[in-house]
């Protein structure tokens, strides 16, 4: 279930927010990205992609620690 939360969060961050914000006319970062795409504003799109990437990595990092809390058998190790 925790893995599914991470996957759904990735979908919502990557494209779901753009779709939902355009569908319901809500202001937000998805609408900003959509307008930037229409106007060919590559710097704004680059910032959006970096923001989404960092948010996705942070969510997955937090979920790794949640795994450890929920199931003590899971060990977090550094590299191999």
Protein backbone atom coordinates (compact mmCIF):
# COMPACT_ATOMS: atom_id res chain seq x y z
CA UNK A 1 0.00 0.00 0.00
CA UNK A 2 2.85 2.38 0.76
CA UNK A 3 4.32 1.69 -2.66
CA UNK A 4 1.01 2.57 -4.28
CA UNK A 5 0.95 5.87 -2.40
CA UNK A 6 4.33 6.71 -3.92
CA UNK A 7 3.20 5.75 -7.40
CA UNK A 8 -0.02 7.77 -7.16
CA UNK A 9 1.89 10.76 -5.81
CA UNK A 10 4.22 10.54 -8.81
CA UNK A 11 1.29 10.48 -11.21
CA UNK A 12 -0.38 13.42 -9.54
CA UNK A 13 2.85 15.42 -9.58
CA UNK A 14 3.85 14.53 -13.12
CA UNK A 15 0.65 15.11 -15.03
CA UNK A 16 -2.40 14.78 -12.88
CA UNK A 17 -2.13 18.27 -11.49
CA UNK A 18 -2.02 19.79 -14.98
CA UNK A 19 -5.07 17.80 -16.04
CA UNK A 20 -7.14 18.51 -12.93
CA UNK A 21 -6.26 22.22 -12.84
CA UNK A 22 -7.21 22.67 -16.47
CA UNK A 23 -10.38 20.62 -16.11
CA UNK A 24 -11.70 22.54 -13.10
CA UNK A 25 -10.06 25.91 -13.93
CA UNK A 26 -8.10 25.93 -10.66
CA UNK A 27 -5.02 28.13 -10.44
CA UNK A 28 -1.80 26.33 -9.58
CA UNK A 29 1.55 25.08 -10.77
CA UNK A 30 -0.07 22.77 -13.32
CA UNK A 31 -1.83 25.68 -14.98
CA UNK A 32 1.43 27.61 -14.90
CA UNK A 33 3.19 24.75 -16.68
CA UNK A 34 0.40 24.48 -19.24
CA UNK A 35 0.53 28.21 -20.03
CA UNK A 36 4.32 28.02 -20.26
CA UNK A 37 4.02 25.18 -22.75
CA UNK A 38 1.56 27.17 -24.87
CA UNK A 39 3.83 30.21 -24.84
CA UNK A 40 7.04 28.21 -25.43
CA UNK A 41 8.54 29.52 -22.19
CA UNK A 42 11.30 26.95 -21.80
CA UNK A 43 12.77 28.47 -18.64
CA UNK A 44 9.45 28.17 -16.83
CA UNK A 45 9.02 24.59 -18.05
CA UNK A 46 12.52 23.75 -16.90
CA UNK A 47 11.73 25.14 -13.45
CA UNK A 48 8.51 23.12 -13.34
CA UNK A 49 10.30 19.90 -14.26
CA UNK A 50 13.02 20.50 -11.67
CA UNK A 51 10.43 21.26 -8.98
CA UNK A 52 8.42 18.12 -9.79
CA UNK A 53 11.59 16.01 -9.87
CA UNK A 54 12.77 17.26 -6.48
CA UNK A 55 9.31 16.79 -4.97
CA UNK A 56 9.14 13.22 -6.33
CA UNK A 57 12.55 12.35 -4.88
CA UNK A 58 11.59 13.83 -1.50
CA UNK A 59 8.31 11.90 -1.41
CA UNK A 60 10.10 8.63 -2.18
CA UNK A 61 12.77 9.35 0.42
CA UNK A 62 10.11 9.95 3.08
CA UNK A 63 8.35 6.73 2.03
CA UNK A 64 11.58 4.79 2.55
CA UNK A 65 11.60 5.89 6.18
CA UNK A 66 7.89 5.09 6.48
CA UNK A 67 8.66 1.55 5.25
CA UNK A 68 11.15 1.19 8.09
CA UNK A 69 8.61 2.38 10.67
CA UNK A 70 5.81 0.15 9.43
CA UNK A 71 7.90 -2.99 8.95
CA UNK A 72 11.02 -3.23 11.15
CA UNK A 73 12.30 -6.13 9.01
CA UNK A 74 13.10 -3.65 6.23
CA UNK A 75 16.65 -2.36 6.53
CA UNK A 76 17.91 0.82 4.95
CA UNK A 77 21.52 0.29 3.91
CA UNK A 78 24.04 2.48 2.15
CA UNK A 79 25.06 1.14 -1.25
CA UNK A 80 26.57 -2.26 -1.78
